[in-house]
Amino acid sequence: MEFRIELVFVPVSDVDRAKAFYAQQVGFHVDHDQTVSPELRFVQLTPDGSACSIAIGTGLVDTAPGSLKGVQMVVDDADAARAHLVGNGVDATPVQDLAWGRFTTFKDPDGNEWTLQELPERMRQ
């Protein structure tokens, strides 16, 4: 039996602002943007190379905007990822070197928090 995480719901207060942030500043691909009714809008975005997407919208979740914490994406190069984010106006923390990887974090306009991890060389094989 396989269990695959393929969609993470991100609670946001302004769908268009969040869509622009994730697509234009972070670089996610917009897969879908469907308004089903005035109460239901579904926007799906996917990072390049990822099997997991995020969903933002209206009527999708009842959690508070900005309450998402602890989601981690793996990148090949933490410095390059941070430079990409900062170059696109995203406030990303300086890269931190730890025994289990190199990390930078950023928040979306609502305060949802993301961590980017560059795996240590020994874990890449």
C-alpha atoms as a PDB file:
ATOM      1  CA  MET A   1       0.000   0.000   0.000  1.00  0.00           C
ATOM      2  CA  GLU A   2       1.451   3.383  -0.998  1.00  0.00           C
ATOM      3  CA  PHE A   3       0.510   6.619   0.722  1.00  0.00           C
ATOM      4  CA  ARG A   4       1.551   9.702  -1.242  1.00  0.00           C
ATOM      5  CA  ILE A   5       1.186  13.270  -0.069  1.00  0.00           C
ATOM      6  CA  GLU A   6       0.121  15.144  -3.173  1.00  0.00           C
ATOM      7  CA  LEU A   7      -1.781  18.208  -1.952  1.00  0.00           C
ATOM      8  CA  VAL A   8      -1.333  20.559   0.995  1.00  0.00           C
ATOM      9  CA  PHE A   9      -4.000  23.179   1.720  1.00  0.00           C
ATOM     10  CA  VAL A  10      -2.595  26.597   2.595  1.00  0.00           C
ATOM     11  CA  PRO A  11      -4.980  28.953   4.435  1.00  0.00           C
ATOM     12  CA  VAL A  12      -4.861  32.473   2.969  1.00  0.00           C
ATOM     13  CA  SER A  13      -6.914  35.639   3.372  1.00  0.00           C
ATOM     14  CA  ASP A  14      -6.576  36.944  -0.206  1.00  0.00           C
ATOM     15  CA  VAL A  15      -6.499  34.295  -2.933  1.00  0.00           C
ATOM     16  CA  ASP A  16      -5.273  36.572  -5.727  1.00  0.00           C
ATOM     17  CA  ARG A  17      -2.484  38.011  -3.579  1.00  0.00           C
ATOM     18  CA  ALA A  18      -1.390  34.508  -2.496  1.00  0.00           C
ATOM     19  CA  LYS A  19      -1.575  33.188  -6.060  1.00  0.00           C
ATOM     20  CA  ALA A  20       0.645  36.044  -7.286  1.00  0.00           C
ATOM     21  CA  PHE A  21       3.100  35.484  -4.423  1.00  0.00           C
ATOM     22  CA  TYR A  22       3.500  31.754  -4.987  1.00  0.00           C
ATOM     23  CA  ALA A  23       3.554  31.980  -8.788  1.00  0.00           C
ATOM     24  CA  GLN A  24       5.462  35.190  -9.454  1.00  0.00           C
ATOM     25  CA  GLN A  25       7.743  35.485  -6.437  1.00  0.00           C
ATOM     26  CA  VAL A  26       8.358  31.904  -5.312  1.00  0.00           C
ATOM     27  CA  GLY A  27       8.079  30.363  -8.788  1.00  0.00           C
ATOM     28  CA  PHE A  28       5.360  27.724  -8.435  1.00  0.00           C
ATOM     29  CA  HIS A  29       3.449  26.704 -11.581  1.00  0.00           C
ATOM     30  CA  VAL A  30      -0.284  27.502 -11.607  1.00  0.00           C
ATOM     31  CA  ASP A  31      -2.016  24.204 -12.435  1.00  0.00           C
ATOM     32  CA  HIS A  32      -5.660  25.172 -11.886  1.00  0.00           C
ATOM     33  CA  ASP A  33      -7.713  28.213 -10.977  1.00  0.00           C
ATOM     34  CA  GLN A  34     -11.377  27.301 -10.896  1.00  0.00           C
ATOM     35  CA  THR A  35     -14.235  29.281  -9.391  1.00  0.00           C
ATOM     36  CA  VAL A  36     -17.062  26.827  -8.821  1.00  0.00           C
ATOM     37  CA  SER A  37     -19.359  29.307  -7.088  1.00  0.00           C
ATOM     38  CA  PRO A  38     -19.019  32.571  -5.145  1.00  0.00           C
ATOM     39  CA  GLU A  39     -18.300  30.430  -2.062  1.00  0.00           C
ATOM     40  CA  LEU A  40     -15.829  28.004  -3.672  1.00  0.00           C
ATOM     41  CA  ARG A  41     -12.614  28.754  -5.575  1.00  0.00           C
ATOM     42  CA  PHE A  42      -9.788  26.246  -5.995  1.00  0.00           C
ATOM     43  CA  VAL A  43      -6.263  27.264  -7.054  1.00  0.00           C
ATOM     44  CA  GLN A  44      -3.577  24.584  -7.305  1.00  0.00           C
ATOM     45  CA  LEU A  45       0.116  25.431  -7.634  1.00  0.00           C
ATOM     46  CA  THR A  46       3.120  23.097  -7.898  1.00  0.00           C
ATOM     47  CA  PRO A  47       6.832  23.731  -7.345  1.00  0.00           C
ATOM     48  CA  ASP A  48       9.062  22.583 -10.226  1.00  0.00           C
ATOM     49  CA  GLY A  49      10.109  18.969  -9.695  1.00  0.00           C
ATOM     50  CA  SER A  50       7.584  18.294  -6.948  1.00  0.00           C
ATOM     51  CA  ALA A  51       5.003  15.511  -6.776  1.00  0.00           C
ATOM     52  CA  CYS A  52       3.137  17.548  -4.169  1.00  0.00           C
ATOM     53  CA  SER A  53       1.101  20.678  -4.891  1.00  0.00           C
ATOM     54  CA  ILE A  54      -0.480  23.325  -2.716  1.00  0.00           C
ATOM     55  CA  ALA A  55      -4.084  24.491  -2.841  1.00  0.00           C
ATOM     56  CA  ILE A  56      -5.336  27.930  -1.938  1.00  0.00           C
ATOM     57  CA  GLY A  57      -8.792  29.289  -2.390  1.00  0.00           C
ATOM     58  CA  THR A  58     -12.142  30.155  -0.946  1.00  0.00           C
ATOM     59  CA  GLY A  59     -14.236  27.634   0.953  1.00  0.00           C
ATOM     60  CA  LEU A  60     -11.481  25.011   1.112  1.00  0.00           C
ATOM     61  CA  VAL A  61     -10.348  25.023   4.741  1.00  0.00           C
ATOM     62  CA  ASP A  62     -11.541  26.491   8.001  1.00  0.00           C
ATOM     63  CA  THR A  63      -8.096  27.114   9.496  1.00  0.00           C
ATOM     64  CA  ALA A  64      -6.885  30.647  10.082  1.00  0.00           C
ATOM     65  CA  PRO A  65      -4.841  32.355   7.354  1.00  0.00           C
ATOM     66  CA  GLY A  66      -1.168  32.183   8.262  1.00  0.00           C
ATOM     67  CA  SER A  67      -1.526  29.138  10.508  1.00  0.00           C
ATOM     68  CA  LEU A  68       0.431  26.716   8.286  1.00  0.00           C
ATOM     69  CA  LYS A  69       3.813  25.906   9.836  1.00  0.00           C
ATOM     70  CA  GLY A  70       6.338  23.134   9.469  1.00  0.00           C
ATOM     71  CA  VAL A  71       6.124  22.406   5.743  1.00  0.00           C
ATOM     72  CA  GLN A  72       9.553  21.694   4.339  1.00  0.00           C
ATOM     73  CA  MET A  73      10.721  21.542   0.732  1.00  0.00           C
ATOM     74  CA  VAL A  74      14.047  20.027  -0.309  1.00  0.00           C
ATOM     75  CA  VAL A  75      16.250  22.035  -2.674  1.00  0.00           C
ATOM     76  CA  ASP A  76      19.540  21.221  -4.389  1.00  0.00           C
ATOM     77  CA  ASP A  77      21.224  24.434  -3.248  1.00  0.00           C
ATOM     78  CA  ALA A  78      19.990  26.475  -0.280  1.00  0.00           C
ATOM     79  CA  ASP A  79      22.063  29.515  -1.243  1.00  0.00           C
ATOM     80  CA  ALA A  80      20.683  29.562  -4.792  1.00  0.00           C
ATOM     81  CA  ALA A  81      17.136  29.039  -3.513  1.00  0.00           C
ATOM     82  CA  ARG A  82      17.497  31.924  -1.065  1.00  0.00           C
ATOM     83  CA  ALA A  83      19.007  34.143  -3.774  1.00  0.00           C
ATOM     84  CA  HIS A  84      16.037  33.324  -6.042  1.00  0.00           C
ATOM     85  CA  LEU A  85      13.554  34.230  -3.314  1.00  0.00           C
ATOM     86  CA  VAL A  86      15.317  37.420  -2.239  1.00  0.00           C
ATOM     87  CA  GLY A  87      15.723  38.432  -5.885  1.00  0.00           C
ATOM     88  CA  ASN A  88      11.949  38.164  -6.246  1.00  0.00           C
ATOM     89  CA  GLY A  89      11.219  40.259  -3.166  1.00  0.00           C
ATOM     90  CA  VAL A  90      10.677  37.419  -0.682  1.00  0.00           C
ATOM     91  CA  ASP A  91      12.147  37.939   2.789  1.00  0.00           C
ATOM     92  CA  ALA A  92      14.095  34.695   3.289  1.00  0.00           C
ATOM     93  CA  THR A  93      16.304  34.100   6.318  1.00  0.00           C
ATOM     94  CA  PRO A  94      20.057  33.713   5.930  1.00  0.00           C
ATOM     95  CA  VAL A  95      21.055  30.115   5.232  1.00  0.00           C
ATOM     96  CA  GLN A  96      21.745  28.213   8.427  1.00  0.00           C
ATOM     97  CA  ASP A  97      24.209  25.291   8.429  1.00  0.00           C
ATOM     98  CA  LEU A  98      23.237  22.365  10.653  1.00  0.00           C
ATOM     99  CA  ALA A  99      24.430  18.771  10.848  1.00  0.00           C
ATOM    100  CA  TRP A 100      21.276  17.560   9.074  1.00  0.00           C
ATOM    101  CA  GLY A 101      21.302  20.128   6.270  1.00  0.00           C
ATOM    102  CA  ARG A 102      21.361  23.754   5.225  1.00  0.00           C
ATOM    103  CA  PHE A 103      18.164  25.726   5.784  1.00  0.00           C
ATOM    104  CA  THR A 104      16.419  28.952   4.882  1.00  0.00           C
ATOM    105  CA  THR A 105      12.857  29.939   5.738  1.00  0.00           C
ATOM    106  CA  PHE A 106      10.297  32.372   4.391  1.00  0.00           C
ATOM    107  CA  LYS A 107       6.690  33.364   4.997  1.00  0.00           C
ATOM    108  CA  ASP A 108       3.903  34.159   2.577  1.00  0.00           C
ATOM    109  CA  PRO A 109       1.932  37.428   2.931  1.00  0.00           C
ATOM    110  CA  ASP A 110      -0.386  35.804   5.512  1.00  0.00           C
ATOM    111  CA  GLY A 111       2.457  34.391   7.609  1.00  0.00           C
ATOM    112  CA  ASN A 112       2.323  30.748   6.468  1.00  0.00           C
ATOM    113  CA  GLU A 113       5.846  29.509   7.096  1.00  0.00           C
ATOM    114  CA  TRP A 114       8.006  27.429   4.742  1.00  0.00           C
ATOM    115  CA  THR A 115      11.416  25.843   5.265  1.00  0.00           C
ATOM    116  CA  LEU A 116      13.810  24.976   2.450  1.00  0.00           C
ATOM    117  CA  GLN A 117      16.380  22.272   3.177  1.00  0.00           C
ATOM    118  CA  GLU A 118      19.502  21.371   1.251  1.00  0.00           C
ATOM    119  CA  LEU A 119      20.310  17.811   2.275  1.00  0.00           C
ATOM    120  CA  PRO A 120      23.818  16.978   3.488  1.00  0.00           C
ATOM    121  CA  GLU A 121      25.964  15.293   0.847  1.00  0.00           C
ATOM    122  CA  ARG A 122      25.828  11.943   2.714  1.00  0.00           C
ATOM    123  CA  MET A 123      22.018  11.898   2.411  1.00  0.00           C
ATOM    124  CA  ARG A 124      21.862  12.634  -1.340  1.00  0.00           C
ATOM    125  CA  GLN A 125      22.906   9.181  -2.502  1.00  0.00           C
END
